[in-house]
Amino acid sequence: MDLILKAALGAAVVIVLAMLAKTKNYYIAGLVPLFPTFALIAHYIVGKGRSVDDLKTTIVFGMWSIIPYFVYLATLYVLVDRMRLEASLALAAVAWLMAATVLVSVWVRLH
């Protein structure tokens, strides 16, 4: 049942994105992925299965995770008028992966 709820939430987000992309306020589609759908799930799971300190650590790490997302957006912004959309998206995803790898590496060393 847990997996069905998670899948339904993911599908709902995709539907909302598709609907917003077709409106005159299409740019709001950039806000929807930032709704903490998966963060809510992760925080619930960690909060139920681990200590409050572990949950707080997860929350702080989540705050730092904004950096790779910013790297993704900045890379996409720079590339989108220089390359095909698909290539821009792929390279921005690679930039996110690199930034996330650095974040995790630094986090592991400091904690």
PDB file of N, CA and C in Angstrom:
ATOM      1  N   MET A   1       0.826  -1.196   0.000  1.00  0.00           N
ATOM      2  CA  MET A   1       0.000   0.000   0.000  1.00  0.00           C
ATOM      3  C   MET A   1       0.867   1.255   0.000  1.00  0.00           C
ATOM      4  N   ASP A   2       1.990   1.192   0.728  1.00  0.00           N
ATOM      5  CA  ASP A   2       2.915   2.315   0.809  1.00  0.00           C
ATOM      6  C   ASP A   2       3.435   2.704  -0.583  1.00  0.00           C
ATOM      7  N   LEU A   3       3.824   1.697  -1.354  1.00  0.00           N
ATOM      8  CA  LEU A   3       4.348   1.962  -2.698  1.00  0.00           C
ATOM      9  C   LEU A   3       3.287   2.535  -3.628  1.00  0.00           C
ATOM     10  N   ILE A   4       2.059   2.109  -3.472  1.00  0.00           N
ATOM     11  CA  ILE A   4       0.971   2.635  -4.308  1.00  0.00           C
ATOM     12  C   ILE A   4       0.762   4.117  -4.021  1.00  0.00           C
ATOM     13  N   LEU A   5       0.801   4.497  -2.752  1.00  0.00           N
ATOM     14  CA  LEU A   5       0.650   5.904  -2.380  1.00  0.00           C
ATOM     15  C   LEU A   5       1.787   6.736  -2.966  1.00  0.00           C
ATOM     16  N   LYS A   6       3.015   6.245  -2.869  1.00  0.00           N
ATOM     17  CA  LYS A   6       4.173   6.962  -3.410  1.00  0.00           C
ATOM     18  C   LYS A   6       4.055   7.123  -4.923  1.00  0.00           C
ATOM     19  N   ALA A   7       3.655   6.062  -5.599  1.00  0.00           N
ATOM     20  CA  ALA A   7       3.490   6.126  -7.057  1.00  0.00           C
ATOM     21  C   ALA A   7       2.380   7.102  -7.444  1.00  0.00           C
ATOM     22  N   ALA A   8       1.308   7.096  -6.686  1.00  0.00           N
ATOM     23  CA  ALA A   8       0.191   8.018  -6.959  1.00  0.00           C
ATOM     24  C   ALA A   8       0.618   9.470  -6.767  1.00  0.00           C
ATOM     25  N   LEU A   9       1.404   9.745  -5.739  1.00  0.00           N
ATOM     26  CA  LEU A   9       1.912  11.099  -5.531  1.00  0.00           C
ATOM     27  C   LEU A   9       2.802  11.541  -6.688  1.00  0.00           C
ATOM     28  N   GLY A  10       3.674  10.659  -7.138  1.00  0.00           N
ATOM     29  CA  GLY A  10       4.540  10.965  -8.273  1.00  0.00           C
ATOM     30  C   GLY A  10       3.741  11.228  -9.534  1.00  0.00           C
ATOM     31  N   ALA A  11       2.746  10.420  -9.780  1.00  0.00           N
ATOM     32  CA  ALA A  11       1.894  10.596 -10.959  1.00  0.00           C
ATOM     33  C   ALA A  11       1.123  11.908 -10.870  1.00  0.00           C
ATOM     34  N   ALA A  12       0.670  12.255  -9.690  1.00  0.00           N
ATOM     35  CA  ALA A  12      -0.058  13.517  -9.506  1.00  0.00           C
ATOM     36  C   ALA A  12       0.831  14.708  -9.829  1.00  0.00           C
ATOM     37  N   VAL A  13       2.080  14.649  -9.419  1.00  0.00           N
ATOM     38  CA  VAL A  13       3.022  15.738  -9.710  1.00  0.00           C
ATOM     39  C   VAL A  13       3.219  15.876 -11.217  1.00  0.00           C
ATOM     40  N   VAL A  14       3.371  14.767 -11.926  1.00  0.00           N
ATOM     41  CA  VAL A  14       3.548  14.805 -13.377  1.00  0.00           C
ATOM     42  C   VAL A  14       2.323  15.411 -14.056  1.00  0.00           C
ATOM     43  N   ILE A  15       1.153  15.050 -13.597  1.00  0.00           N
ATOM     44  CA  ILE A  15      -0.092  15.596 -14.176  1.00  0.00           C
ATOM     45  C   ILE A  15      -0.177  17.107 -13.931  1.00  0.00           C
ATOM     46  N   VAL A  16       0.136  17.532 -12.718  1.00  0.00           N
ATOM     47  CA  VAL A  16       0.112  18.967 -12.413  1.00  0.00           C
ATOM     48  C   VAL A  16       1.118  19.716 -13.283  1.00  0.00           C
ATOM     49  N   LEU A  17       2.305  19.157 -13.458  1.00  0.00           N
ATOM     50  CA  LEU A  17       3.319  19.780 -14.313  1.00  0.00           C
ATOM     51  C   LEU A  17       2.825  19.924 -15.749  1.00  0.00           C
ATOM     52  N   ALA A  18       2.263  18.871 -16.274  1.00  0.00           N
ATOM     53  CA  ALA A  18       1.764  18.896 -17.651  1.00  0.00           C
ATOM     54  C   ALA A  18       0.651  19.934 -17.812  1.00  0.00           C
ATOM     55  N   MET A  19      -0.229  20.005 -16.840  1.00  0.00           N
ATOM     56  CA  MET A  19      -1.325  20.983 -16.916  1.00  0.00           C
ATOM     57  C   MET A  19      -0.797  22.414 -16.820  1.00  0.00           C
ATOM     58  N   LEU A  20       0.121  22.656 -15.903  1.00  0.00           N
ATOM     59  CA  LEU A  20       0.676  23.994 -15.739  1.00  0.00           C
ATOM     60  C   LEU A  20       1.466  24.448 -16.971  1.00  0.00           C
ATOM     61  N   ALA A  21       2.164  23.524 -17.606  1.00  0.00           N
ATOM     62  CA  ALA A  21       2.969  23.867 -18.771  1.00  0.00           C
ATOM     63  C   ALA A  21       2.119  24.384 -19.925  1.00  0.00           C
ATOM     64  N   LYS A  22       0.840  24.081 -19.920  1.00  0.00           N
ATOM     65  CA  LYS A  22      -0.060  24.503 -20.999  1.00  0.00           C
ATOM     66  C   LYS A  22      -0.801  25.801 -20.687  1.00  0.00           C
ATOM     67  N   THR A  23      -0.579  26.378 -19.515  1.00  0.00           N
ATOM     68  CA  THR A  23      -1.284  27.603 -19.135  1.00  0.00           C
ATOM     69  C   THR A  23      -0.455  28.828 -19.471  1.00  0.00           C
ATOM     70  N   LYS A  24      -1.062  30.018 -19.331  1.00  0.00           N
ATOM     71  CA  LYS A  24      -0.311  31.251 -19.564  1.00  0.00           C
ATOM     72  C   LYS A  24       0.722  31.468 -18.461  1.00  0.00           C
ATOM     73  N   ASN A  25       0.556  30.809 -17.336  1.00  0.00           N
ATOM     74  CA  ASN A  25       1.523  30.869 -16.238  1.00  0.00           C
ATOM     75  C   ASN A  25       2.418  29.627 -16.231  1.00  0.00           C
ATOM     76  N   TYR A  26       2.877  29.239 -17.412  1.00  0.00           N
ATOM     77  CA  TYR A  26       3.680  28.027 -17.608  1.00  0.00           C
ATOM     78  C   TYR A  26       4.909  27.972 -16.695  1.00  0.00           C
ATOM     79  N   TYR A  27       5.478  29.119 -16.350  1.00  0.00           N
ATOM     80  CA  TYR A  27       6.693  29.183 -15.535  1.00  0.00           C
ATOM     81  C   TYR A  27       6.478  28.610 -14.131  1.00  0.00           C
ATOM     82  N   ILE A  28       5.229  28.561 -13.677  1.00  0.00           N
ATOM     83  CA  ILE A  28       4.943  27.984 -12.358  1.00  0.00           C
ATOM     84  C   ILE A  28       5.296  26.493 -12.346  1.00  0.00           C
ATOM     85  N   ALA A  29       5.365  25.883 -13.523  1.00  0.00           N
ATOM     86  CA  ALA A  29       5.781  24.481 -13.602  1.00  0.00           C
ATOM     87  C   ALA A  29       7.183  24.293 -13.019  1.00  0.00           C
ATOM     88  N   GLY A  30       7.983  25.357 -12.990  1.00  0.00           N
ATOM     89  CA  GLY A  30       9.304  25.285 -12.377  1.00  0.00           C
ATOM     90  C   GLY A  30       9.261  25.257 -10.858  1.00  0.00           C
ATOM     91  N   LEU A  31       8.133  25.648 -10.281  1.00  0.00           N
ATOM     92  CA  LEU A  31       7.969  25.640  -8.835  1.00  0.00           C
ATOM     93  C   LEU A  31       7.473  24.285  -8.323  1.00  0.00           C
ATOM     94  N   VAL A  32       6.670  23.622  -9.113  1.00  0.00           N
ATOM     95  CA  VAL A  32       6.052  22.360  -8.674  1.00  0.00           C
ATOM     96  C   VAL A  32       7.077  21.297  -8.269  1.00  0.00           C
ATOM     97  N   PRO A  33       8.174  21.113  -9.022  1.00  0.00           N
ATOM     98  CA  PRO A  33       9.135  20.095  -8.580  1.00  0.00           C
ATOM     99  C   PRO A  33       9.749  20.393  -7.218  1.00  0.00           C
ATOM    100  N   LEU A  34       9.644  21.639  -6.785  1.00  0.00           N
ATOM    101  CA  LEU A  34      10.195  21.992  -5.486  1.00  0.00           C
ATOM    102  C   LEU A  34       9.221  21.731  -4.347  1.00  0.00           C
ATOM    103  N   PHE A  35       7.976  21.355  -4.676  1.00  0.00           N
ATOM    104  CA  PHE A  35       7.071  20.946  -3.601  1.00  0.00           C
ATOM    105  C   PHE A  35       7.665  19.699  -2.963  1.00  0.00           C
ATOM    106  N   PRO A  36       7.740  19.653  -1.661  1.00  0.00           N
ATOM    107  CA  PRO A  36       8.486  18.579  -1.009  1.00  0.00           C
ATOM    108  C   PRO A  36       7.780  17.231  -0.951  1.00  0.00           C
ATOM    109  N   THR A  37       7.245  16.792  -2.071  1.00  0.00           N
ATOM    110  CA  THR A  37       6.547  15.505  -2.108  1.00  0.00           C
ATOM    111  C   THR A  37       7.431  14.374  -1.588  1.00  0.00           C
ATOM    112  N   PHE A  38       8.592  14.224  -2.199  1.00  0.00           N
ATOM    113  CA  PHE A  38       9.476  13.122  -1.816  1.00  0.00           C
ATOM    114  C   PHE A  38      10.181  13.411  -0.492  1.00  0.00           C
ATOM    115  N   ALA A  39      10.403  14.693  -0.203  1.00  0.00           N
ATOM    116  CA  ALA A  39      10.982  15.041   1.096  1.00  0.00           C
ATOM    117  C   ALA A  39      10.019  14.669   2.222  1.00  0.00           C
ATOM    118  N   LEU A  40       8.726  14.912   2.009  1.00  0.00           N
ATOM    119  CA  LEU A  40       7.734  14.516   3.017  1.00  0.00           C
ATOM    120  C   LEU A  40       7.794  13.012   3.272  1.00  0.00           C
ATOM    121  N   ILE A  41       7.881  12.264   2.200  1.00  0.00           N
ATOM    122  CA  ILE A  41       7.954  10.803   2.332  1.00  0.00           C
ATOM    123  C   ILE A  41       9.229  10.396   3.057  1.00  0.00           C
ATOM    124  N   ALA A  42      10.361  10.974   2.615  1.00  0.00           N
ATOM    125  CA  ALA A  42      11.651  10.637   3.234  1.00  0.00           C
ATOM    126  C   ALA A  42      11.677  11.020   4.706  1.00  0.00           C
ATOM    127  N   HIS A  43      11.175  12.205   5.023  1.00  0.00           N
ATOM    128  CA  HIS A  43      11.202  12.653   6.415  1.00  0.00           C
ATOM    129  C   HIS A  43      10.267  11.814   7.287  1.00  0.00           C
ATOM    130  N   TYR A  44       9.162  11.398   6.722  1.00  0.00           N
ATOM    131  CA  TYR A  44       8.256  10.524   7.464  1.00  0.00           C
ATOM    132  C   TYR A  44       8.932   9.181   7.759  1.00  0.00           C
ATOM    133  N   ILE A  45       9.564   8.609   6.734  1.00  0.00           N
ATOM    134  CA  ILE A  45      10.214   7.301   6.904  1.00  0.00           C
ATOM    135  C   ILE A  45      11.357   7.400   7.908  1.00  0.00           C
ATOM    136  N   VAL A  46      12.213   8.417   7.757  1.00  0.00           N
ATOM    137  CA  VAL A  46      13.329   8.587   8.693  1.00  0.00           C
ATOM    138  C   VAL A  46      12.796   8.897  10.091  1.00  0.00           C
ATOM    139  N   GLY A  47      11.790   9.788  10.163  1.00  0.00           N
ATOM    140  CA  GLY A  47      11.228  10.168  11.463  1.00  0.00           C
ATOM    141  C   GLY A  47      10.579   9.017  12.206  1.00  0.00           C
ATOM    142  N   LYS A  48       9.981   8.092  11.475  1.00  0.00           N
ATOM    143  CA  LYS A  48       9.345   6.935  12.109  1.00  0.00           C
ATOM    144  C   LYS A  48      10.339   5.839  12.459  1.00  0.00           C
ATOM    145  N   GLY A  49      11.409   5.734  11.683  1.00  0.00           N
ATOM    146  CA  GLY A  49      12.315   4.606  11.864  1.00  0.00           C
ATOM    147  C   GLY A  49      13.609   4.919  12.584  1.00  0.00           C
ATOM    148  N   ARG A  50      13.877   6.225  12.806  1.00  0.00           N
ATOM    149  CA  ARG A  50      15.151   6.592  13.418  1.00  0.00           C
ATOM    150  C   ARG A  50      14.923   7.650  14.493  1.00  0.00           C
ATOM    151  N   SER A  51      15.994   8.120  15.079  1.00  0.00           N
ATOM    152  CA  SER A  51      15.882   9.107  16.168  1.00  0.00           C
ATOM    153  C   SER A  51      15.592  10.506  15.609  1.00  0.00           C
ATOM    154  N   VAL A  52      15.199  11.405  16.508  1.00  0.00           N
ATOM    155  CA  VAL A  52      14.960  12.797  16.129  1.00  0.00           C
ATOM    156  C   VAL A  52      16.265  13.428  15.633  1.00  0.00           C
ATOM    157  N   ASP A  53      17.381  13.093  16.255  1.00  0.00           N
ATOM    158  CA  ASP A  53      18.677  13.617  15.799  1.00  0.00           C
ATOM    159  C   ASP A  53      18.974  13.181  14.363  1.00  0.00           C
ATOM    160  N   ASP A  54      18.657  11.931  14.038  1.00  0.00           N
ATOM    161  CA  ASP A  54      18.855  11.445  12.675  1.00  0.00           C
ATOM    162  C   ASP A  54      17.950  12.197  11.701  1.00  0.00           C
ATOM    163  N   LEU A  55      16.727  12.449  12.117  1.00  0.00           N
ATOM    164  CA  LEU A  55      15.812  13.209  11.271  1.00  0.00           C
ATOM    165  C   LEU A  55      16.337  14.625  11.057  1.00  0.00           C
ATOM    166  N   LYS A  56      16.830  15.254  12.117  1.00  0.00           N
ATOM    167  CA  LYS A  56      17.372  16.602  11.985  1.00  0.00           C
ATOM    168  C   LYS A  56      18.596  16.627  11.066  1.00  0.00           C
ATOM    169  N   THR A  57      19.420  15.606  11.137  1.00  0.00           N
ATOM    170  CA  THR A  57      20.567  15.502  10.235  1.00  0.00           C
ATOM    171  C   THR A  57      20.093  15.388   8.790  1.00  0.00           C
ATOM    172  N   THR A  58      19.052  14.593   8.572  1.00  0.00           N
ATOM    173  CA  THR A  58      18.469  14.451   7.234  1.00  0.00           C
ATOM    174  C   THR A  58      17.931  15.789   6.741  1.00  0.00           C
ATOM    175  N   ILE A  59      17.319  16.550   7.608  1.00  0.00           N
ATOM    176  CA  ILE A  59      16.770  17.856   7.240  1.00  0.00           C
ATOM    177  C   ILE A  59      17.889  18.819   6.858  1.00  0.00           C
ATOM    178  N   VAL A  60      18.956  18.854   7.646  1.00  0.00           N
ATOM    179  CA  VAL A  60      20.080  19.752   7.338  1.00  0.00           C
ATOM    180  C   VAL A  60      20.724  19.358   6.014  1.00  0.00           C
ATOM    181  N   PHE A  61      20.906  18.062   5.798  1.00  0.00           N
ATOM    182  CA  PHE A  61      21.466  17.623   4.519  1.00  0.00           C
ATOM    183  C   PHE A  61      20.552  18.049   3.367  1.00  0.00           C
ATOM    184  N   GLY A  62      19.246  17.963   3.578  1.00  0.00           N
ATOM    185  CA  GLY A  62      18.295  18.421   2.567  1.00  0.00           C
ATOM    186  C   GLY A  62      18.454  19.892   2.253  1.00  0.00           C
ATOM    187  N   MET A  63      18.771  20.692   3.263  1.00  0.00           N
ATOM    188  CA  MET A  63      19.010  22.119   3.030  1.00  0.00           C
ATOM    189  C   MET A  63      20.219  22.321   2.110  1.00  0.00           C
ATOM    190  N   TRP A  64      21.253  21.562   2.346  1.00  0.00           N
ATOM    191  CA  TRP A  64      22.450  21.654   1.497  1.00  0.00           C
ATOM    192  C   TRP A  64      22.193  21.116   0.092  1.00  0.00           C
ATOM    193  N   SER A  65      21.212  20.247  -0.059  1.00  0.00           N
ATOM    194  CA  SER A  65      20.937  19.650  -1.365  1.00  0.00           C
ATOM    195  C   SER A  65      20.374  20.658  -2.368  1.00  0.00           C
ATOM    196  N   ILE A  66      20.074  21.843  -1.906  1.00  0.00           N
ATOM    197  CA  ILE A  66      19.633  22.896  -2.811  1.00  0.00           C
ATOM    198  C   ILE A  66      20.764  23.280  -3.766  1.00  0.00           C
ATOM    199  N   ILE A  67      21.997  23.114  -3.329  1.00  0.00           N
ATOM    200  CA  ILE A  67      23.147  23.505  -4.161  1.00  0.00           C
ATOM    201  C   ILE A  67      23.195  22.716  -5.472  1.00  0.00           C
ATOM    202  N   PRO A  68      23.117  21.379  -5.462  1.00  0.00           N
ATOM    203  CA  PRO A  68      23.122  20.674  -6.744  1.00  0.00           C
ATOM    204  C   PRO A  68      21.948  21.062  -7.644  1.00  0.00           C
ATOM    205  N   TYR A  69      20.799  21.338  -7.055  1.00  0.00           N
ATOM    206  CA  TYR A  69      19.653  21.767  -7.864  1.00  0.00           C
ATOM    207  C   TYR A  69      19.935  23.116  -8.511  1.00  0.00           C
ATOM    208  N   PHE A  70      20.550  24.023  -7.770  1.00  0.00           N
ATOM    209  CA  PHE A  70      20.928  25.318  -8.335  1.00  0.00           C
ATOM    210  C   PHE A  70      21.936  25.136  -9.467  1.00  0.00           C
ATOM    211  N   VAL A  71      22.895  24.236  -9.296  1.00  0.00           N
ATOM    212  CA  VAL A  71      23.879  23.954 -10.348  1.00  0.00           C
ATOM    213  C   VAL A  71      23.165  23.445 -11.594  1.00  0.00           C
ATOM    214  N   TYR A  72      22.195  22.559 -11.418  1.00  0.00           N
ATOM    215  CA  TYR A  72      21.402  22.055 -12.539  1.00  0.00           C
ATOM    216  C   TYR A  72      20.712  23.203 -13.269  1.00  0.00           C
ATOM    217  N   LEU A  73      20.021  24.057 -12.521  1.00  0.00           N
ATOM    218  CA  LEU A  73      19.289  25.162 -13.138  1.00  0.00           C
ATOM    219  C   LEU A  73      20.222  26.144 -13.834  1.00  0.00           C
ATOM    220  N   ALA A  74      21.326  26.484 -13.197  1.00  0.00           N
ATOM    221  CA  ALA A  74      22.270  27.426 -13.797  1.00  0.00           C
ATOM    222  C   ALA A  74      22.866  26.849 -15.088  1.00  0.00           C
ATOM    223  N   THR A  75      23.214  25.579 -15.061  1.00  0.00           N
ATOM    224  CA  THR A  75      23.762  24.923 -16.257  1.00  0.00           C
ATOM    225  C   THR A  75      22.730  24.898 -17.373  1.00  0.00           C
ATOM    226  N   LEU A  76      21.517  24.539 -17.055  1.00  0.00           N
ATOM    227  CA  LEU A  76      20.455  24.496 -18.058  1.00  0.00           C
ATOM    228  C   LEU A  76      20.203  25.882 -18.633  1.00  0.00           C
ATOM    229  N   TYR A  77      20.192  26.888 -17.794  1.00  0.00           N
ATOM    230  CA  TYR A  77      19.963  28.269 -18.240  1.00  0.00           C
ATOM    231  C   TYR A  77      21.023  28.693 -19.255  1.00  0.00           C
ATOM    232  N   VAL A  78      22.276  28.343 -18.986  1.00  0.00           N
ATOM    233  CA  VAL A  78      23.376  28.727 -19.878  1.00  0.00           C
ATOM    234  C   VAL A  78      23.323  27.940 -21.189  1.00  0.00           C
ATOM    235  N   LEU A  79      22.982  26.667 -21.119  1.00  0.00           N
ATOM    236  CA  LEU A  79      23.064  25.801 -22.299  1.00  0.00           C
ATOM    237  C   LEU A  79      21.837  25.829 -23.199  1.00  0.00           C
ATOM    238  N   VAL A  80      20.688  26.188 -22.671  1.00  0.00           N
ATOM    239  CA  VAL A  80      19.436  25.991 -23.407  1.00  0.00           C
ATOM    240  C   VAL A  80      19.379  26.785 -24.716  1.00  0.00           C
ATOM    241  N   ASP A  81      20.051  27.936 -24.811  1.00  0.00           N
ATOM    242  CA  ASP A  81      20.037  28.614 -26.106  1.00  0.00           C
ATOM    243  C   ASP A  81      21.292  28.336 -26.922  1.00  0.00           C
ATOM    244  N   ARG A  82      22.130  27.442 -26.461  1.00  0.00           N
ATOM    245  CA  ARG A  82      23.346  27.095 -27.191  1.00  0.00           C
ATOM    246  C   ARG A  82      23.286  25.698 -27.807  1.00  0.00           C
ATOM    247  N   MET A  83      22.406  24.851 -27.268  1.00  0.00           N
ATOM    248  CA  MET A  83      22.343  23.454 -27.696  1.00  0.00           C
ATOM    249  C   MET A  83      20.884  23.031 -27.829  1.00  0.00           C
ATOM    250  N   ARG A  84      20.695  21.839 -28.393  1.00  0.00           N
ATOM    251  CA  ARG A  84      19.346  21.269 -28.424  1.00  0.00           C
ATOM    252  C   ARG A  84      18.867  21.045 -26.996  1.00  0.00           C
ATOM    253  N   LEU A  85      17.561  21.084 -26.804  1.00  0.00           N
ATOM    254  CA  LEU A  85      16.988  20.937 -25.473  1.00  0.00           C
ATOM    255  C   LEU A  85      17.425  19.636 -24.805  1.00  0.00           C
ATOM    256  N   GLU A  86      17.370  18.552 -25.553  1.00  0.00           N
ATOM    257  CA  GLU A  86      17.716  17.244 -24.975  1.00  0.00           C
ATOM    258  C   GLU A  86      19.169  17.218 -24.484  1.00  0.00           C
ATOM    259  N   ALA A  87      20.078  17.767 -25.277  1.00  0.00           N
ATOM    260  CA  ALA A  87      21.484  17.810 -24.874  1.00  0.00           C
ATOM    261  C   ALA A  87      21.667  18.725 -23.665  1.00  0.00           C
ATOM    262  N   SER A  88      20.966  19.853 -23.654  1.00  0.00           N
ATOM    263  CA  SER A  88      21.049  20.776 -22.522  1.00  0.00           C
ATOM    264  C   SER A  88      20.569  20.104 -21.241  1.00  0.00           C
ATOM    265  N   LEU A  89      19.450  19.401 -21.338  1.00  0.00           N
ATOM    266  CA  LEU A  89      18.913  18.694 -20.169  1.00  0.00           C
ATOM    267  C   LEU A  89      19.870  17.607 -19.689  1.00  0.00           C
ATOM    268  N   ALA A  90      20.439  16.876 -20.629  1.00  0.00           N
ATOM    269  CA  ALA A  90      21.372  15.804 -20.261  1.00  0.00           C
ATOM    270  C   ALA A  90      22.610  16.371 -19.561  1.00  0.00           C
ATOM    271  N   LEU A  91      23.176  17.436 -20.111  1.00  0.00           N
ATOM    272  CA  LEU A  91      24.362  18.025 -19.498  1.00  0.00           C
ATOM    273  C   LEU A  91      24.044  18.672 -18.153  1.00  0.00           C
ATOM    274  N   ALA A  92      22.877  19.264 -18.037  1.00  0.00           N
ATOM    275  CA  ALA A  92      22.478  19.838 -16.755  1.00  0.00           C
ATOM    276  C   ALA A  92      22.306  18.730 -15.708  1.00  0.00           C
ATOM    277  N   ALA A  93      21.773  17.590 -16.129  1.00  0.00           N
ATOM    278  CA  ALA A  93      21.639  16.457 -15.207  1.00  0.00           C
ATOM    279  C   ALA A  93      23.013  15.939 -14.784  1.00  0.00           C
ATOM    280  N   VAL A  94      23.956  15.914 -15.710  1.00  0.00           N
ATOM    281  CA  VAL A  94      25.326  15.509 -15.369  1.00  0.00           C
ATOM    282  C   VAL A  94      25.938  16.510 -14.384  1.00  0.00           C
ATOM    283  N   ALA A  95      25.691  17.801 -14.611  1.00  0.00           N
ATOM    284  CA  ALA A  95      26.190  18.826 -13.687  1.00  0.00           C
ATOM    285  C   ALA A  95      25.586  18.630 -12.298  1.00  0.00           C
ATOM    286  N   TRP A  96      24.280  18.298 -12.237  1.00  0.00           N
ATOM    287  CA  TRP A  96      23.641  18.011 -10.955  1.00  0.00           C
ATOM    288  C   TRP A  96      24.317  16.822 -10.286  1.00  0.00           C
ATOM    289  N   LEU A  97      24.560  15.764 -11.066  1.00  0.00           N
ATOM    290  CA  LEU A  97      25.186  14.558 -10.527  1.00  0.00           C
ATOM    291  C   LEU A  97      26.574  14.857  -9.968  1.00  0.00           C
ATOM    292  N   MET A  98      27.330  15.668 -10.690  1.00  0.00           N
ATOM    293  CA  MET A  98      28.671  16.037 -10.212  1.00  0.00           C
ATOM    294  C   MET A  98      28.582  16.854  -8.923  1.00  0.00           C
ATOM    295  N   ALA A  99      27.684  17.836  -8.888  1.00  0.00           N
ATOM    296  CA  ALA A  99      27.530  18.658  -7.686  1.00  0.00           C
ATOM    297  C   ALA A  99      27.035  17.813  -6.516  1.00  0.00           C
ATOM    298  N   ALA A 100      26.118  16.893  -6.779  1.00  0.00           N
ATOM    299  CA  ALA A 100      25.605  16.012  -5.726  1.00  0.00           C
ATOM    300  C   ALA A 100      26.709  15.097  -5.200  1.00  0.00           C
ATOM    301  N   THR A 101      27.558  14.620  -6.089  1.00  0.00           N
ATOM    302  CA  THR A 101      28.676  13.764  -5.676  1.00  0.00           C
ATOM    303  C   THR A 101      29.629  14.535  -4.777  1.00  0.00           C
ATOM    304  N   VAL A 102      29.927  15.770  -5.146  1.00  0.00           N
ATOM    305  CA  VAL A 102      30.790  16.607  -4.307  1.00  0.00           C
ATOM    306  C   VAL A 102      30.126  16.847  -2.950  1.00  0.00           C
ATOM    307  N   LEU A 103      28.836  17.166  -2.965  1.00  0.00           N
ATOM    308  CA  LEU A 103      28.112  17.404  -1.719  1.00  0.00           C
ATOM    309  C   LEU A 103      28.176  16.195  -0.800  1.00  0.00           C
ATOM    310  N   VAL A 104      27.879  15.022  -1.339  1.00  0.00           N
ATOM    311  CA  VAL A 104      27.889  13.805  -0.518  1.00  0.00           C
ATOM    312  C   VAL A 104      29.299  13.521  -0.009  1.00  0.00           C
ATOM    313  N   SER A 105      30.304  13.699  -0.856  1.00  0.00           N
ATOM    314  CA  SER A 105      31.692  13.448  -0.443  1.00  0.00           C
ATOM    315  C   SER A 105      32.100  14.371   0.696  1.00  0.00           C
ATOM    316  N   VAL A 106      31.784  15.649   0.573  1.00  0.00           N
ATOM    317  CA  VAL A 106      32.120  16.603   1.625  1.00  0.00           C
ATOM    318  C   VAL A 106      31.340  16.279   2.892  1.00  0.00           C
ATOM    319  N   TRP A 107      30.069  15.956   2.746  1.00  0.00           N
ATOM    320  CA  TRP A 107      29.227  15.646   3.899  1.00  0.00           C
ATOM    321  C   TRP A 107      29.782  14.451   4.674  1.00  0.00           C
ATOM    322  N   VAL A 108      30.162  13.409   3.946  1.00  0.00           N
ATOM    323  CA  VAL A 108      30.683  12.201   4.594  1.00  0.00           C
ATOM    324  C   VAL A 108      31.976  12.514   5.351  1.00  0.00           C
ATOM    325  N   ARG A 109      32.797  13.351   4.774  1.00  0.00           N
ATOM    326  CA  ARG A 109      34.057  13.699   5.449  1.00  0.00           C
ATOM    327  C   ARG A 109      33.844  14.547   6.691  1.00  0.00           C
ATOM    328  N   LEU A 110      32.821  15.394   6.657  1.00  0.00           N
ATOM    329  CA  LEU A 110      32.585  16.299   7.789  1.00  0.00           C
ATOM    330  C   LEU A 110      31.724  15.680   8.887  1.00  0.00           C
ATOM    331  N   HIS A 111      30.993  14.641   8.560  1.00  0.00           N
ATOM    332  CA  HIS A 111      30.101  14.046   9.575  1.00  0.00           C
ATOM    333  C   HIS A 111      30.550  12.663   9.878  1.00  0.00           C
TER     334      HIS A 111
END
